[in-house]
């Protein structure tokens, strides 16, 4: 892990304290923590969609919006991110903990 990633602050649940410090290296490090050894094209598409939506709306997108953008079903998103879209995908995207995330 690079010094850049080591210096990023996370809350007690693993969400970034300062999402503006996010980059692809940080995403890959968080993904490994989530059990994803290497992100595939669909996972990157989802993570990038979540980031862009969050930048524009200051909130995480609903699962149905993520699925629609990625062209996948809700079950598939749970296979791609085993801890789910709110916890896993949003953590990898560098978002703060989404409202309603348990």
C-alpha atoms as a PDB file:
ATOM      1  CA  UNK A   1       0.000   0.000   0.000  1.00  0.00           C
ATOM      2  CA  UNK A   2       1.390   3.407  -0.898  1.00  0.00           C
ATOM      3  CA  UNK A   3       1.981   6.192   1.593  1.00  0.00           C
ATOM      4  CA  UNK A   4      -0.811   8.110  -0.128  1.00  0.00           C
ATOM      5  CA  UNK A   5      -3.351   5.410   0.765  1.00  0.00           C
ATOM      6  CA  UNK A   6      -1.881   4.909   4.239  1.00  0.00           C
ATOM      7  CA  UNK A   7      -2.436   8.586   5.021  1.00  0.00           C
ATOM      8  CA  UNK A   8      -6.156   8.525   4.214  1.00  0.00           C
ATOM      9  CA  UNK A   9      -8.473   8.661   7.191  1.00  0.00           C
ATOM     10  CA  UNK A  10     -11.369   6.224   7.470  1.00  0.00           C
ATOM     11  CA  UNK A  11     -14.201   6.145  10.002  1.00  0.00           C
ATOM     12  CA  UNK A  12     -14.657   3.142  12.299  1.00  0.00           C
ATOM     13  CA  UNK A  13     -16.771   1.391   9.618  1.00  0.00           C
ATOM     14  CA  UNK A  14     -14.218   1.852   6.841  1.00  0.00           C
ATOM     15  CA  UNK A  15     -15.773   4.782   4.960  1.00  0.00           C
ATOM     16  CA  UNK A  16     -13.497   7.623   3.848  1.00  0.00           C
ATOM     17  CA  UNK A  17     -13.543  10.700   6.074  1.00  0.00           C
ATOM     18  CA  UNK A  18     -12.510  12.938   3.144  1.00  0.00           C
ATOM     19  CA  UNK A  19     -13.997  11.610  -0.129  1.00  0.00           C
ATOM     20  CA  UNK A  20     -12.169  14.281  -2.123  1.00  0.00           C
ATOM     21  CA  UNK A  21      -8.919  12.310  -1.541  1.00  0.00           C
ATOM     22  CA  UNK A  22     -10.293   9.320  -3.484  1.00  0.00           C
ATOM     23  CA  UNK A  23      -8.498   7.991  -6.553  1.00  0.00           C
ATOM     24  CA  UNK A  24      -8.251   4.657  -8.390  1.00  0.00           C
ATOM     25  CA  UNK A  25      -5.436   3.407  -6.146  1.00  0.00           C
ATOM     26  CA  UNK A  26      -7.550   4.076  -3.061  1.00  0.00           C
ATOM     27  CA  UNK A  27     -10.496   2.298  -4.708  1.00  0.00           C
ATOM     28  CA  UNK A  28      -8.381  -0.764  -5.462  1.00  0.00           C
ATOM     29  CA  UNK A  29      -7.099  -0.868  -1.882  1.00  0.00           C
ATOM     30  CA  UNK A  30     -10.628  -0.646  -0.446  1.00  0.00           C
ATOM     31  CA  UNK A  31     -11.800  -3.279  -2.957  1.00  0.00           C
ATOM     32  CA  UNK A  32      -9.154  -5.689  -1.669  1.00  0.00           C
ATOM     33  CA  UNK A  33     -10.414  -5.026   1.850  1.00  0.00           C
ATOM     34  CA  UNK A  34     -13.882  -5.932   0.526  1.00  0.00           C
ATOM     35  CA  UNK A  35     -12.527  -9.227  -0.839  1.00  0.00           C
ATOM     36  CA  UNK A  36     -12.232  -8.112  -4.476  1.00  0.00           C
ATOM     37  CA  UNK A  37      -8.731  -8.935  -5.668  1.00  0.00           C
ATOM     38  CA  UNK A  38      -9.070  -7.135  -9.014  1.00  0.00           C
ATOM     39  CA  UNK A  39     -11.906  -4.855 -10.085  1.00  0.00           C
ATOM     40  CA  UNK A  40     -13.508  -5.779 -13.404  1.00  0.00           C
ATOM     41  CA  UNK A  41     -15.009  -3.468 -16.011  1.00  0.00           C
ATOM     42  CA  UNK A  42     -18.559  -3.669 -14.608  1.00  0.00           C
ATOM     43  CA  UNK A  43     -17.380  -2.986 -11.054  1.00  0.00           C
ATOM     44  CA  UNK A  44     -15.454   0.082 -12.261  1.00  0.00           C
ATOM     45  CA  UNK A  45     -18.513   1.270 -14.197  1.00  0.00           C
ATOM     46  CA  UNK A  46     -20.619   1.004 -11.040  1.00  0.00           C
ATOM     47  CA  UNK A  47     -18.032   2.701  -8.823  1.00  0.00           C
ATOM     48  CA  UNK A  48     -17.558   5.561 -11.298  1.00  0.00           C
ATOM     49  CA  UNK A  49     -21.332   5.997 -11.658  1.00  0.00           C
ATOM     50  CA  UNK A  50     -21.709   6.157  -7.870  1.00  0.00           C
ATOM     51  CA  UNK A  51     -18.925   8.780  -7.634  1.00  0.00           C
ATOM     52  CA  UNK A  52     -20.391  10.957 -10.379  1.00  0.00           C
ATOM     53  CA  UNK A  53     -23.913  10.710  -8.951  1.00  0.00           C
ATOM     54  CA  UNK A  54     -22.598  11.619  -5.491  1.00  0.00           C
ATOM     55  CA  UNK A  55     -20.673  14.635  -6.846  1.00  0.00           C
ATOM     56  CA  UNK A  56     -23.811  15.927  -8.565  1.00  0.00           C
ATOM     57  CA  UNK A  57     -26.363  15.088  -5.852  1.00  0.00           C
ATOM     58  CA  UNK A  58     -24.393  14.899  -2.585  1.00  0.00           C
ATOM     59  CA  UNK A  59     -25.997  11.502  -1.981  1.00  0.00           C
ATOM     60  CA  UNK A  60     -25.474   7.905  -3.008  1.00  0.00           C
ATOM     61  CA  UNK A  61     -27.718   6.705  -5.855  1.00  0.00           C
ATOM     62  CA  UNK A  62     -30.535   4.239  -5.284  1.00  0.00           C
ATOM     63  CA  UNK A  63     -29.709   0.630  -6.146  1.00  0.00           C
ATOM     64  CA  UNK A  64     -32.214   0.687  -9.024  1.00  0.00           C
ATOM     65  CA  UNK A  65     -30.336   3.621 -10.609  1.00  0.00           C
ATOM     66  CA  UNK A  66     -27.016   1.797 -10.277  1.00  0.00           C
ATOM     67  CA  UNK A  67     -28.512  -1.332 -11.849  1.00  0.00           C
ATOM     68  CA  UNK A  68     -30.095   0.644 -14.682  1.00  0.00           C
ATOM     69  CA  UNK A  69     -26.850   2.454 -15.500  1.00  0.00           C
ATOM     70  CA  UNK A  70     -24.798  -0.759 -15.388  1.00  0.00           C
ATOM     71  CA  UNK A  71     -27.427  -2.802 -17.217  1.00  0.00           C
ATOM     72  CA  UNK A  72     -27.535  -5.469 -14.523  1.00  0.00           C
ATOM     73  CA  UNK A  73     -30.070  -6.824 -12.048  1.00  0.00           C
ATOM     74  CA  UNK A  74     -30.049  -6.264  -8.310  1.00  0.00           C
ATOM     75  CA  UNK A  75     -28.932  -9.826  -7.621  1.00  0.00           C
ATOM     76  CA  UNK A  76     -25.898  -9.350  -9.841  1.00  0.00           C
ATOM     77  CA  UNK A  77     -24.771  -6.261  -7.947  1.00  0.00           C
ATOM     78  CA  UNK A  78     -24.655  -8.339  -4.749  1.00  0.00           C
ATOM     79  CA  UNK A  79     -22.450 -10.869  -6.550  1.00  0.00           C
ATOM     80  CA  UNK A  80     -20.106  -8.082  -7.686  1.00  0.00           C
ATOM     81  CA  UNK A  81     -20.016  -6.439  -4.236  1.00  0.00           C
ATOM     82  CA  UNK A  82     -20.616  -9.102  -1.597  1.00  0.00           C
ATOM     83  CA  UNK A  83     -21.217  -6.575   1.173  1.00  0.00           C
ATOM     84  CA  UNK A  84     -23.796  -4.887  -1.061  1.00  0.00           C
ATOM     85  CA  UNK A  85     -24.065  -1.684  -3.048  1.00  0.00           C
ATOM     86  CA  UNK A  86     -24.485   0.605  -0.041  1.00  0.00           C
ATOM     87  CA  UNK A  87     -21.610  -0.765   1.995  1.00  0.00           C
ATOM     88  CA  UNK A  88     -19.223  -2.309  -0.526  1.00  0.00           C
ATOM     89  CA  UNK A  89     -19.658  -0.280  -3.691  1.00  0.00           C
ATOM     90  CA  UNK A  90     -20.027   3.038  -1.874  1.00  0.00           C
ATOM     91  CA  UNK A  91     -16.933   2.333   0.250  1.00  0.00           C
ATOM     92  CA  UNK A  92     -14.921   1.514  -2.872  1.00  0.00           C
ATOM     93  CA  UNK A  93     -16.260   4.692  -4.506  1.00  0.00           C
ATOM     94  CA  UNK A  94     -14.903   6.655  -1.535  1.00  0.00           C
ATOM     95  CA  UNK A  95     -18.234   7.999  -0.354  1.00  0.00           C
ATOM     96  CA  UNK A  96     -19.006   8.767   3.262  1.00  0.00           C
ATOM     97  CA  UNK A  97     -21.371   6.251   4.854  1.00  0.00           C
ATOM     98  CA  UNK A  98     -24.707   6.571   2.977  1.00  0.00           C
ATOM     99  CA  UNK A  99     -27.853   7.400   4.910  1.00  0.00           C
ATOM    100  CA  UNK A 100     -29.717   4.226   5.790  1.00  0.00           C
ATOM    101  CA  UNK A 101     -26.616   2.044   5.477  1.00  0.00           C
ATOM    102  CA  UNK A 102     -26.466  -0.435   8.345  1.00  0.00           C
END
